[in-house]
């Protein structure tokens, strides 16, 4: 199974439109145009087909986490305890 197949299956399972995917990728500051995205979803024998690399799939999955869960809360730094001297 290729990255393109995984991408297609996630798109169908989550009922995402191209604009939704572009917005999800924007959450992780990854920009892609509609035509580039369309090339990823074409059949392999189509002349405009483009294989999806690991980077776009990884960024989509990271953006999907933010989209579904919301942004990660920033934890306040806890002061470190200083060791006691004997």
Protein backbone atom coordinates (compact mmCIF):
# COMPACT_ATOMS: atom_id res chain seq x y z
CA UNK A 1 0.00 0.00 0.00
CA UNK A 2 1.43 3.36 -1.03
CA UNK A 3 1.24 6.68 0.80
CA UNK A 4 -1.25 7.77 -1.86
CA UNK A 5 -3.51 4.83 -0.99
CA UNK A 6 -3.33 5.66 2.73
CA UNK A 7 -4.07 9.30 1.98
CA UNK A 8 -7.08 8.36 -0.20
CA UNK A 9 -8.49 5.98 2.40
CA UNK A 10 -8.19 8.56 5.18
CA UNK A 11 -9.85 11.15 2.98
CA UNK A 12 -12.82 8.87 2.31
CA UNK A 13 -13.09 7.53 5.87
CA UNK A 14 -13.06 11.01 7.40
CA UNK A 15 -15.20 12.53 4.60
CA UNK A 16 -12.66 15.28 3.94
CA UNK A 17 -12.79 17.71 1.03
CA UNK A 18 -9.71 19.16 -0.64
CA UNK A 19 -10.18 22.42 1.25
CA UNK A 20 -10.35 20.51 4.54
CA UNK A 21 -7.06 18.77 3.77
CA UNK A 22 -5.41 22.07 2.83
CA UNK A 23 -6.58 23.59 6.13
CA UNK A 24 -5.33 20.57 8.09
CA UNK A 25 -1.93 20.84 6.43
CA UNK A 26 -1.89 24.59 7.19
CA UNK A 27 -2.16 23.75 10.91
CA UNK A 28 1.39 22.39 10.73
CA UNK A 29 2.52 25.17 8.39
CA UNK A 30 2.71 22.93 5.33
CA UNK A 31 1.38 24.65 2.22
CA UNK A 32 0.00 22.73 -0.73
CA UNK A 33 -2.13 23.93 -3.63
CA UNK A 34 -5.34 22.31 -4.82
CA UNK A 35 -3.68 21.19 -8.05
CA UNK A 36 -0.82 19.51 -6.14
CA UNK A 37 -3.33 17.81 -3.89
CA UNK A 38 -5.39 16.70 -6.88
CA UNK A 39 -2.29 15.06 -8.38
CA UNK A 40 -1.92 12.92 -5.26
CA UNK A 41 -5.43 11.52 -5.57
CA UNK A 42 -5.23 10.59 -9.27
CA UNK A 43 -4.80 7.03 -10.55
CA UNK A 44 -1.21 5.87 -10.99
CA UNK A 45 -1.61 5.62 -14.76
CA UNK A 46 -2.78 9.25 -15.11
CA UNK A 47 -0.17 11.61 -16.63
CA UNK A 48 -0.57 14.14 -13.78
CA UNK A 49 -0.23 11.54 -11.01
CA UNK A 50 2.27 12.44 -8.29
CA UNK A 51 3.44 9.97 -5.65
CA UNK A 52 2.89 11.16 -2.08
CA UNK A 53 6.12 11.33 -0.14
CA UNK A 54 6.57 10.54 3.51
CA UNK A 55 6.78 14.24 4.38
CA UNK A 56 3.31 15.21 3.18
CA UNK A 57 1.69 12.16 4.80
CA UNK A 58 3.53 12.80 8.08
CA UNK A 59 2.50 16.46 8.07
CA UNK A 60 -1.09 15.53 7.26
CA UNK A 61 -1.23 13.08 10.16
CA UNK A 62 0.28 15.62 12.55
CA UNK A 63 -2.19 18.25 11.34
CA UNK A 64 -5.04 15.77 11.69
CA UNK A 65 -4.15 15.26 15.35
CA UNK A 66 -4.31 19.01 15.93
CA UNK A 67 -7.55 19.24 13.93
CA UNK A 68 -9.25 16.50 15.94
CA UNK A 69 -7.82 17.10 19.42
CA UNK A 70 -7.01 20.79 19.33
CA UNK A 71 -3.63 22.42 19.88
CA UNK A 72 -1.38 21.03 22.57
CA UNK A 73 -1.53 22.92 25.83
CA UNK A 74 1.70 24.56 26.86
CA UNK A 75 2.87 23.20 30.17
CA UNK A 76 4.36 25.64 32.62
CA UNK A 77 7.96 24.88 33.43
CA UNK A 78 8.22 23.55 36.93
CA UNK A 79 11.20 24.79 38.87
CA UNK A 80 13.74 22.09 39.51
CA UNK A 81 14.49 21.25 43.07
CA UNK A 82 18.02 22.12 44.06
CA UNK A 83 19.88 19.25 45.65
CA UNK A 84 20.53 19.59 49.36
CA UNK A 85 24.11 19.73 50.43
CA UNK A 86 25.20 17.80 53.47
